[in-house]
């Protein structure tokens, strides 16, 4: 079994173990609450955009789970008729979010209850499917914009 800690080096001379960042996308991190999803598209919701990804976000009314962010992913049926195309784009966005969520501080291990929790809904607004590298670059931009607004 792999050790989940590393020894600190450099300015940390006490050699205490530091946790490794988790890149998992836990089920508790998924935005599932219909109530919270509805609030994201109502009055007072805020958003950040880096074409072709738009993120609608807001603070949740109550903290659900142990993660500071809950994320959902949407691809409109109007632009992508086939479910396979929609699912592929959602999969690309989920992967880009999973690998870059540390930019907004969402890489915590489960167990610690946050003071505030945000609901994030990533919406794909493009007209055609883009390659993963492009989606990842735009995901990084939209996460940085989100971090500035919060």
N, C-alpha and C. Protein backbone atom coordinates (compact mmCIF):
# COMPACT_ATOMS: atom_id res chain seq x y z
N UNK A 1 0.84 -1.19 0.00
CA UNK A 1 0.00 0.00 0.00
C UNK A 1 0.87 1.24 0.00
N UNK A 2 0.48 2.24 -0.78
CA UNK A 2 1.26 3.47 -0.87
C UNK A 2 1.06 4.33 0.37
N UNK A 3 2.10 5.00 0.78
CA UNK A 3 2.02 5.91 1.90
C UNK A 3 1.37 7.21 1.42
N UNK A 4 0.36 7.71 2.12
CA UNK A 4 -0.38 8.90 1.70
C UNK A 4 0.25 10.19 2.21
N UNK A 5 1.44 10.14 2.79
CA UNK A 5 2.07 11.35 3.30
C UNK A 5 3.48 11.46 2.74
N UNK A 6 3.97 12.67 2.74
CA UNK A 6 5.36 12.91 2.33
C UNK A 6 6.05 13.66 3.46
N UNK A 7 7.35 13.55 3.54
CA UNK A 7 8.08 14.31 4.54
C UNK A 7 8.39 15.69 4.01
N UNK A 8 8.17 16.66 4.86
CA UNK A 8 8.47 18.04 4.47
C UNK A 8 9.98 18.23 4.42
N UNK A 9 10.39 19.06 3.49
CA UNK A 9 11.81 19.38 3.41
C UNK A 9 11.92 20.88 3.19
N UNK A 10 13.12 21.38 3.15
CA UNK A 10 13.31 22.81 2.93
C UNK A 10 13.15 23.57 4.24
N UNK A 11 12.31 24.62 4.24
CA UNK A 11 12.21 25.45 5.44
C UNK A 11 11.57 24.71 6.62
N UNK A 12 10.90 23.58 6.37
CA UNK A 12 10.29 22.81 7.45
C UNK A 12 11.32 21.80 7.97
N UNK A 13 11.96 22.11 9.04
CA UNK A 13 13.00 21.24 9.57
C UNK A 13 12.47 20.20 10.55
N UNK A 14 11.17 20.27 10.88
CA UNK A 14 10.64 19.35 11.86
C UNK A 14 10.24 18.01 11.25
N UNK A 15 10.29 17.87 9.94
CA UNK A 15 9.99 16.62 9.22
C UNK A 15 8.64 16.00 9.58
N UNK A 16 7.64 16.84 9.81
CA UNK A 16 6.29 16.32 10.06
C UNK A 16 5.67 15.95 8.72
N UNK A 17 4.87 14.88 8.69
CA UNK A 17 4.24 14.49 7.42
C UNK A 17 3.19 15.50 6.98
N UNK A 18 3.15 15.78 5.69
CA UNK A 18 2.15 16.68 5.11
C UNK A 18 1.26 15.86 4.19
N UNK A 19 -0.05 16.12 4.20
CA UNK A 19 -0.93 15.33 3.33
C UNK A 19 -0.71 15.63 1.86
N UNK A 20 -0.84 14.62 1.02
CA UNK A 20 -0.78 14.79 -0.42
C UNK A 20 -2.13 15.27 -0.91
N UNK A 21 -2.15 16.14 -1.89
CA UNK A 21 -3.41 16.62 -2.43
C UNK A 21 -4.18 15.48 -3.07
N UNK A 22 -5.48 15.48 -2.83
CA UNK A 22 -6.32 14.43 -3.41
C UNK A 22 -6.92 14.94 -4.71
N UNK A 23 -6.78 14.16 -5.76
CA UNK A 23 -7.34 14.54 -7.05
C UNK A 23 -8.60 13.74 -7.36
N UNK A 24 -9.16 13.07 -6.35
CA UNK A 24 -10.39 12.31 -6.56
C UNK A 24 -11.57 13.26 -6.71
N UNK A 25 -12.61 12.80 -7.37
CA UNK A 25 -13.86 13.55 -7.46
C UNK A 25 -14.90 12.72 -6.72
N UNK A 26 -15.02 12.98 -5.42
CA UNK A 26 -15.90 12.21 -4.56
C UNK A 26 -17.36 12.48 -4.89
N UNK A 27 -18.22 11.52 -4.57
CA UNK A 27 -19.64 11.69 -4.86
C UNK A 27 -20.24 12.83 -4.04
N UNK A 28 -19.67 13.13 -2.87
CA UNK A 28 -20.15 14.24 -2.05
C UNK A 28 -19.80 15.58 -2.69
N UNK A 29 -18.89 15.59 -3.62
CA UNK A 29 -18.52 16.83 -4.32
C UNK A 29 -19.48 17.14 -5.46
N UNK A 30 -20.30 16.18 -5.84
CA UNK A 30 -21.24 16.40 -6.94
C UNK A 30 -22.42 17.22 -6.47
N UNK A 31 -22.84 18.12 -7.29
CA UNK A 31 -24.02 18.94 -6.99
C UNK A 31 -25.25 18.16 -7.41
N UNK A 32 -26.06 17.75 -6.42
CA UNK A 32 -27.23 16.92 -6.70
C UNK A 32 -28.53 17.56 -6.25
N UNK A 33 -28.46 18.51 -5.35
CA UNK A 33 -29.66 19.11 -4.77
C UNK A 33 -30.41 19.95 -5.79
N UNK A 34 -31.65 19.57 -6.08
CA UNK A 34 -32.48 20.33 -7.03
C UNK A 34 -32.70 21.76 -6.54
N UNK A 35 -32.81 21.90 -5.25
CA UNK A 35 -33.02 23.22 -4.65
C UNK A 35 -31.83 24.14 -4.93
N UNK A 36 -30.63 23.63 -4.73
CA UNK A 36 -29.42 24.44 -4.98
C UNK A 36 -29.23 24.69 -6.46
N UNK A 37 -29.53 23.71 -7.29
CA UNK A 37 -29.41 23.90 -8.74
C UNK A 37 -30.38 24.99 -9.20
N UNK A 38 -31.59 24.98 -8.68
CA UNK A 38 -32.57 26.01 -9.02
C UNK A 38 -32.12 27.40 -8.59
N UNK A 39 -31.47 27.49 -7.44
CA UNK A 39 -30.97 28.79 -6.96
C UNK A 39 -29.87 29.34 -7.86
N UNK A 40 -29.11 28.46 -8.49
CA UNK A 40 -28.01 28.92 -9.37
C UNK A 40 -28.54 29.64 -10.60
N UNK A 41 -29.75 29.31 -11.01
CA UNK A 41 -30.31 29.93 -12.21
C UNK A 41 -31.36 30.98 -11.88
N UNK A 42 -31.53 31.28 -10.61
CA UNK A 42 -32.50 32.29 -10.20
C UNK A 42 -31.83 33.64 -9.98
N UNK A 43 -32.54 34.51 -9.26
CA UNK A 43 -32.00 35.84 -8.97
C UNK A 43 -30.83 35.74 -8.01
N UNK A 44 -29.90 36.63 -8.15
CA UNK A 44 -28.75 36.69 -7.26
C UNK A 44 -27.63 35.73 -7.59
N UNK A 45 -27.79 34.93 -8.61
CA UNK A 45 -26.72 33.99 -9.00
C UNK A 45 -25.62 34.75 -9.74
N UNK A 46 -24.41 34.32 -9.55
CA UNK A 46 -23.28 34.96 -10.21
C UNK A 46 -22.65 33.97 -11.17
N UNK A 47 -21.84 34.48 -12.10
CA UNK A 47 -21.20 33.58 -13.05
C UNK A 47 -19.87 34.15 -13.54
N UNK A 48 -19.08 33.26 -14.10
CA UNK A 48 -17.81 33.61 -14.74
C UNK A 48 -17.75 32.80 -16.03
N UNK A 49 -17.15 33.39 -17.06
CA UNK A 49 -17.13 32.75 -18.37
C UNK A 49 -15.74 32.76 -18.98
N UNK A 50 -15.39 31.65 -19.59
CA UNK A 50 -14.22 31.54 -20.46
C UNK A 50 -14.68 30.61 -21.57
N UNK A 51 -15.13 31.19 -22.69
CA UNK A 51 -15.74 30.41 -23.76
C UNK A 51 -14.90 29.20 -24.09
N UNK A 52 -15.48 28.04 -24.14
CA UNK A 52 -16.88 27.63 -24.17
C UNK A 52 -17.46 27.18 -22.82
N UNK A 53 -16.81 27.54 -21.71
CA UNK A 53 -17.31 27.11 -20.40
C UNK A 53 -17.77 28.31 -19.59
N UNK A 54 -18.96 28.17 -19.02
CA UNK A 54 -19.50 29.19 -18.12
C UNK A 54 -19.76 28.50 -16.80
N UNK A 55 -19.41 29.15 -15.69
CA UNK A 55 -19.70 28.59 -14.38
C UNK A 55 -20.68 29.51 -13.66
N UNK A 56 -21.83 28.97 -13.27
CA UNK A 56 -22.78 29.68 -12.43
C UNK A 56 -22.53 29.21 -11.02
N UNK A 57 -22.46 30.14 -10.07
CA UNK A 57 -22.13 29.74 -8.70
C UNK A 57 -22.88 30.58 -7.68
N UNK A 58 -22.98 30.03 -6.51
CA UNK A 58 -23.61 30.72 -5.40
C UNK A 58 -23.30 29.97 -4.12
N UNK A 59 -23.44 30.66 -3.01
CA UNK A 59 -23.22 30.02 -1.72
C UNK A 59 -24.45 29.20 -1.37
N UNK A 60 -24.24 28.01 -0.84
CA UNK A 60 -25.37 27.15 -0.50
C UNK A 60 -26.03 27.63 0.79
N UNK A 61 -27.32 27.33 0.94
CA UNK A 61 -28.05 27.72 2.14
C UNK A 61 -27.57 26.94 3.36
N UNK A 62 -27.32 25.65 3.17
CA UNK A 62 -26.82 24.82 4.25
C UNK A 62 -25.65 23.99 3.73
N UNK A 63 -24.73 23.69 4.62
CA UNK A 63 -23.56 22.90 4.24
C UNK A 63 -23.97 21.44 4.14
N UNK A 64 -23.77 20.86 2.97
CA UNK A 64 -24.05 19.44 2.73
C UNK A 64 -22.73 18.74 2.48
N UNK A 65 -22.40 17.78 3.29
CA UNK A 65 -21.15 17.05 3.11
C UNK A 65 -19.97 17.78 3.72
N UNK A 66 -18.78 17.34 3.33
CA UNK A 66 -17.56 17.87 3.95
C UNK A 66 -16.66 18.59 2.95
N UNK A 67 -17.20 18.99 1.81
CA UNK A 67 -16.38 19.65 0.81
C UNK A 67 -16.80 21.11 0.65
N UNK A 68 -15.84 22.02 0.43
CA UNK A 68 -16.20 23.44 0.29
C UNK A 68 -16.89 23.77 -1.03
N UNK A 69 -16.82 22.87 -2.02
CA UNK A 69 -17.45 23.12 -3.32
C UNK A 69 -18.20 21.87 -3.77
N UNK A 70 -19.37 22.07 -4.36
CA UNK A 70 -20.11 20.99 -4.99
C UNK A 70 -20.28 21.40 -6.45
N UNK A 71 -19.92 20.53 -7.36
CA UNK A 71 -19.91 20.87 -8.78
C UNK A 71 -20.85 19.97 -9.59
N UNK A 72 -21.49 20.59 -10.58
CA UNK A 72 -22.33 19.88 -11.54
C UNK A 72 -21.91 20.30 -12.94
N UNK A 73 -22.23 19.48 -13.93
CA UNK A 73 -21.81 19.74 -15.30
C UNK A 73 -23.00 19.57 -16.23
N UNK A 74 -23.19 20.54 -17.13
CA UNK A 74 -24.34 20.54 -18.03
C UNK A 74 -23.89 20.81 -19.46
N UNK A 75 -24.47 20.07 -20.40
CA UNK A 75 -24.27 20.31 -21.83
C UNK A 75 -25.67 20.39 -22.44
N UNK A 76 -25.99 21.48 -23.14
CA UNK A 76 -27.37 21.65 -23.64
C UNK A 76 -27.74 20.67 -24.75
N UNK A 77 -28.95 20.15 -24.63
CA UNK A 77 -29.47 19.21 -25.62
C UNK A 77 -29.77 19.92 -26.94
N UNK A 78 -30.02 21.20 -26.86
CA UNK A 78 -30.33 21.98 -28.07
C UNK A 78 -29.16 21.98 -29.05
N UNK A 79 -27.94 22.05 -28.53
CA UNK A 79 -26.76 22.10 -29.41
C UNK A 79 -26.19 20.73 -29.73
N UNK A 80 -26.33 19.79 -28.79
CA UNK A 80 -25.77 18.45 -28.98
C UNK A 80 -26.91 17.45 -28.83
N UNK A 81 -27.44 17.02 -29.94
CA UNK A 81 -28.63 16.16 -29.96
C UNK A 81 -28.34 14.76 -29.41
N UNK A 82 -27.17 14.23 -29.69
CA UNK A 82 -26.86 12.86 -29.30
C UNK A 82 -26.31 12.82 -27.87
N UNK A 83 -26.87 11.90 -27.10
CA UNK A 83 -26.46 11.76 -25.70
C UNK A 83 -24.98 11.41 -25.58
N UNK A 84 -24.46 10.63 -26.51
CA UNK A 84 -23.05 10.24 -26.46
C UNK A 84 -22.14 11.47 -26.54
N UNK A 85 -22.50 12.44 -27.38
CA UNK A 85 -21.71 13.67 -27.51
C UNK A 85 -21.79 14.50 -26.22
N UNK A 86 -23.00 14.60 -25.66
CA UNK A 86 -23.17 15.36 -24.41
C UNK A 86 -22.37 14.72 -23.28
N UNK A 87 -22.45 13.40 -23.18
CA UNK A 87 -21.74 12.70 -22.11
C UNK A 87 -20.23 12.83 -22.25
N UNK A 88 -19.73 12.81 -23.48
CA UNK A 88 -18.29 12.97 -23.69
C UNK A 88 -17.81 14.34 -23.25
N UNK A 89 -18.56 15.37 -23.59
CA UNK A 89 -18.17 16.73 -23.20
C UNK A 89 -18.22 16.88 -21.68
N UNK A 90 -19.26 16.32 -21.05
CA UNK A 90 -19.34 16.37 -19.58
C UNK A 90 -18.15 15.64 -18.95
N UNK A 91 -17.77 14.52 -19.54
CA UNK A 91 -16.63 13.76 -19.04
C UNK A 91 -15.34 14.58 -19.16
N UNK A 92 -15.17 15.29 -20.26
CA UNK A 92 -13.98 16.14 -20.44
C UNK A 92 -13.96 17.26 -19.41
N UNK A 93 -15.12 17.88 -19.18
CA UNK A 93 -15.18 18.97 -18.20
C UNK A 93 -14.93 18.45 -16.78
N UNK A 94 -15.49 17.30 -16.45
CA UNK A 94 -15.27 16.71 -15.12
C UNK A 94 -13.80 16.42 -14.88
N UNK A 95 -13.15 15.86 -15.88
CA UNK A 95 -11.73 15.54 -15.76
C UNK A 95 -10.89 16.80 -15.61
N UNK A 96 -11.19 17.82 -16.39
CA UNK A 96 -10.45 19.09 -16.29
C UNK A 96 -10.66 19.72 -14.91
N UNK A 97 -11.88 19.66 -14.39
CA UNK A 97 -12.16 20.19 -13.05
C UNK A 97 -11.42 19.37 -11.98
N UNK A 98 -11.49 18.06 -12.09
CA UNK A 98 -10.87 17.18 -11.10
C UNK A 98 -9.37 17.45 -10.96
N UNK A 99 -8.70 17.67 -12.08
CA UNK A 99 -7.25 17.88 -12.06
C UNK A 99 -6.84 19.31 -11.70
N UNK A 100 -7.79 20.26 -11.76
CA UNK A 100 -7.43 21.65 -11.52
C UNK A 100 -8.22 22.30 -10.39
N UNK A 101 -8.95 21.51 -9.61
CA UNK A 101 -9.76 22.08 -8.53
C UNK A 101 -8.90 22.67 -7.41
N UNK A 102 -7.62 22.32 -7.38
CA UNK A 102 -6.73 22.90 -6.37
C UNK A 102 -6.60 24.41 -6.55
N UNK A 103 -6.90 24.94 -7.73
CA UNK A 103 -6.81 26.38 -7.98
C UNK A 103 -7.81 27.18 -7.14
N UNK A 104 -8.90 26.52 -6.73
CA UNK A 104 -9.90 27.21 -5.90
C UNK A 104 -9.92 26.66 -4.48
N UNK A 105 -9.01 25.76 -4.15
CA UNK A 105 -8.92 25.22 -2.80
C UNK A 105 -9.91 24.10 -2.53
N UNK A 106 -10.29 23.35 -3.56
CA UNK A 106 -11.28 22.29 -3.39
C UNK A 106 -10.63 20.92 -3.30
N UNK A 107 -9.37 20.84 -2.97
CA UNK A 107 -8.65 19.57 -2.98
C UNK A 107 -8.59 18.92 -1.61
N UNK A 108 -9.41 19.34 -0.67
CA UNK A 108 -9.33 18.82 0.68
C UNK A 108 -9.80 17.37 0.77
N UNK A 109 -9.27 16.67 1.73
CA UNK A 109 -9.70 15.30 2.00
C UNK A 109 -11.04 15.35 2.73
N UNK A 110 -11.87 14.33 2.57
CA UNK A 110 -13.14 14.34 3.28
C UNK A 110 -12.94 14.23 4.79
N UNK A 111 -13.86 14.84 5.55
CA UNK A 111 -13.79 14.73 7.00
C UNK A 111 -13.90 16.06 7.71
N UNK A 112 -13.35 17.12 7.16
CA UNK A 112 -13.39 18.44 7.78
C UNK A 112 -14.58 19.20 7.21
N UNK A 113 -15.46 19.67 8.09
CA UNK A 113 -16.66 20.38 7.64
C UNK A 113 -16.28 21.84 7.40
N UNK A 114 -16.55 22.36 6.17
CA UNK A 114 -16.18 23.74 5.86
C UNK A 114 -17.16 24.74 6.49
N UNK A 115 -16.70 25.99 6.66
CA UNK A 115 -17.56 27.05 7.19
C UNK A 115 -18.56 27.50 6.13
N UNK A 116 -18.08 27.63 4.90
CA UNK A 116 -18.93 28.03 3.77
C UNK A 116 -18.84 26.98 2.68
N UNK A 117 -19.92 26.87 1.92
CA UNK A 117 -19.92 25.91 0.82
C UNK A 117 -20.53 26.58 -0.40
N UNK A 118 -19.92 26.35 -1.55
CA UNK A 118 -20.41 26.92 -2.79
C UNK A 118 -20.91 25.84 -3.73
N UNK A 119 -21.96 26.16 -4.46
CA UNK A 119 -22.47 25.27 -5.51
C UNK A 119 -21.97 25.83 -6.85
N UNK A 120 -21.39 24.97 -7.66
CA UNK A 120 -20.87 25.37 -8.97
C UNK A 120 -21.57 24.56 -10.05
N UNK A 121 -22.01 25.23 -11.11
CA UNK A 121 -22.60 24.52 -12.25
C UNK A 121 -21.82 24.95 -13.48
N UNK A 122 -21.10 24.01 -14.07
CA UNK A 122 -20.32 24.27 -15.27
C UNK A 122 -21.19 23.99 -16.48
N UNK A 123 -21.35 24.99 -17.34
CA UNK A 123 -22.22 24.89 -18.50
C UNK A 123 -21.36 25.03 -19.75
N UNK A 124 -21.49 24.08 -20.64
CA UNK A 124 -20.74 24.12 -21.91
C UNK A 124 -21.57 24.93 -22.90
N UNK A 125 -21.04 26.07 -23.33
CA UNK A 125 -21.79 26.97 -24.21
C UNK A 125 -21.32 26.92 -25.66
N UNK A 126 -20.31 26.11 -25.96
CA UNK A 126 -19.79 26.03 -27.32
C UNK A 126 -20.75 25.35 -28.28
N UNK A 127 -20.52 25.57 -29.56
CA UNK A 127 -21.38 25.00 -30.60
C UNK A 127 -20.86 23.65 -31.11
N UNK A 128 -19.58 23.36 -30.83
CA UNK A 128 -19.01 22.10 -31.28
C UNK A 128 -18.08 21.56 -30.20
N UNK A 129 -17.82 20.27 -30.27
CA UNK A 129 -16.95 19.62 -29.29
C UNK A 129 -15.50 20.04 -29.52
N UNK A 130 -14.82 20.36 -28.44
CA UNK A 130 -13.43 20.79 -28.50
C UNK A 130 -12.53 19.70 -27.92
N UNK A 131 -11.24 19.69 -28.30
CA UNK A 131 -10.32 18.69 -27.74
C UNK A 131 -10.07 18.95 -26.25
N UNK A 132 -9.62 17.91 -25.56
CA UNK A 132 -9.44 18.00 -24.11
C UNK A 132 -8.50 19.13 -23.70
N UNK A 133 -7.38 19.29 -24.36
CA UNK A 133 -6.40 20.33 -23.98
C UNK A 133 -7.04 21.72 -24.00
N UNK A 134 -7.89 21.97 -24.99
CA UNK A 134 -8.57 23.26 -25.09
C UNK A 134 -9.56 23.42 -23.92
N UNK A 135 -10.32 22.37 -23.64
CA UNK A 135 -11.29 22.40 -22.54
C UNK A 135 -10.56 22.62 -21.21
N UNK A 136 -9.44 21.94 -21.02
CA UNK A 136 -8.68 22.09 -19.78
C UNK A 136 -8.15 23.51 -19.62
N UNK A 137 -7.63 24.09 -20.70
CA UNK A 137 -7.11 25.46 -20.64
C UNK A 137 -8.22 26.44 -20.25
N UNK A 138 -9.41 26.25 -20.82
CA UNK A 138 -10.53 27.13 -20.52
C UNK A 138 -11.07 26.89 -19.11
N UNK A 139 -11.01 25.65 -18.65
CA UNK A 139 -11.43 25.33 -17.28
C UNK A 139 -10.52 26.04 -16.28
N UNK A 140 -9.23 26.06 -16.54
CA UNK A 140 -8.29 26.75 -15.67
C UNK A 140 -8.63 28.24 -15.63
N UNK A 141 -8.91 28.83 -16.79
CA UNK A 141 -9.26 30.25 -16.85
C UNK A 141 -10.52 30.56 -16.06
N UNK A 142 -11.55 29.72 -16.24
CA UNK A 142 -12.82 29.99 -15.57
C UNK A 142 -12.68 29.77 -14.05
N UNK A 143 -11.87 28.82 -13.62
CA UNK A 143 -11.63 28.63 -12.19
C UNK A 143 -10.88 29.81 -11.59
N UNK A 144 -9.92 30.36 -12.34
CA UNK A 144 -9.20 31.54 -11.86
C UNK A 144 -10.13 32.74 -11.75
N UNK A 145 -11.02 32.92 -12.73
CA UNK A 145 -11.99 34.01 -12.66
C UNK A 145 -12.93 33.83 -11.48
N UNK A 146 -13.36 32.60 -11.26
CA UNK A 146 -14.23 32.30 -10.12
C UNK A 146 -13.52 32.63 -8.81
N UNK A 147 -12.26 32.23 -8.69
CA UNK A 147 -11.49 32.48 -7.46
C UNK A 147 -11.37 33.97 -7.17
N UNK A 148 -11.25 34.79 -8.21
CA UNK A 148 -11.17 36.24 -8.02
C UNK A 148 -12.48 36.83 -7.53
N UNK A 149 -13.61 36.26 -7.98
CA UNK A 149 -14.92 36.79 -7.61
C UNK A 149 -15.37 36.37 -6.22
N UNK A 150 -14.80 35.29 -5.70
CA UNK A 150 -15.25 34.80 -4.38
C UNK A 150 -14.48 35.47 -3.28
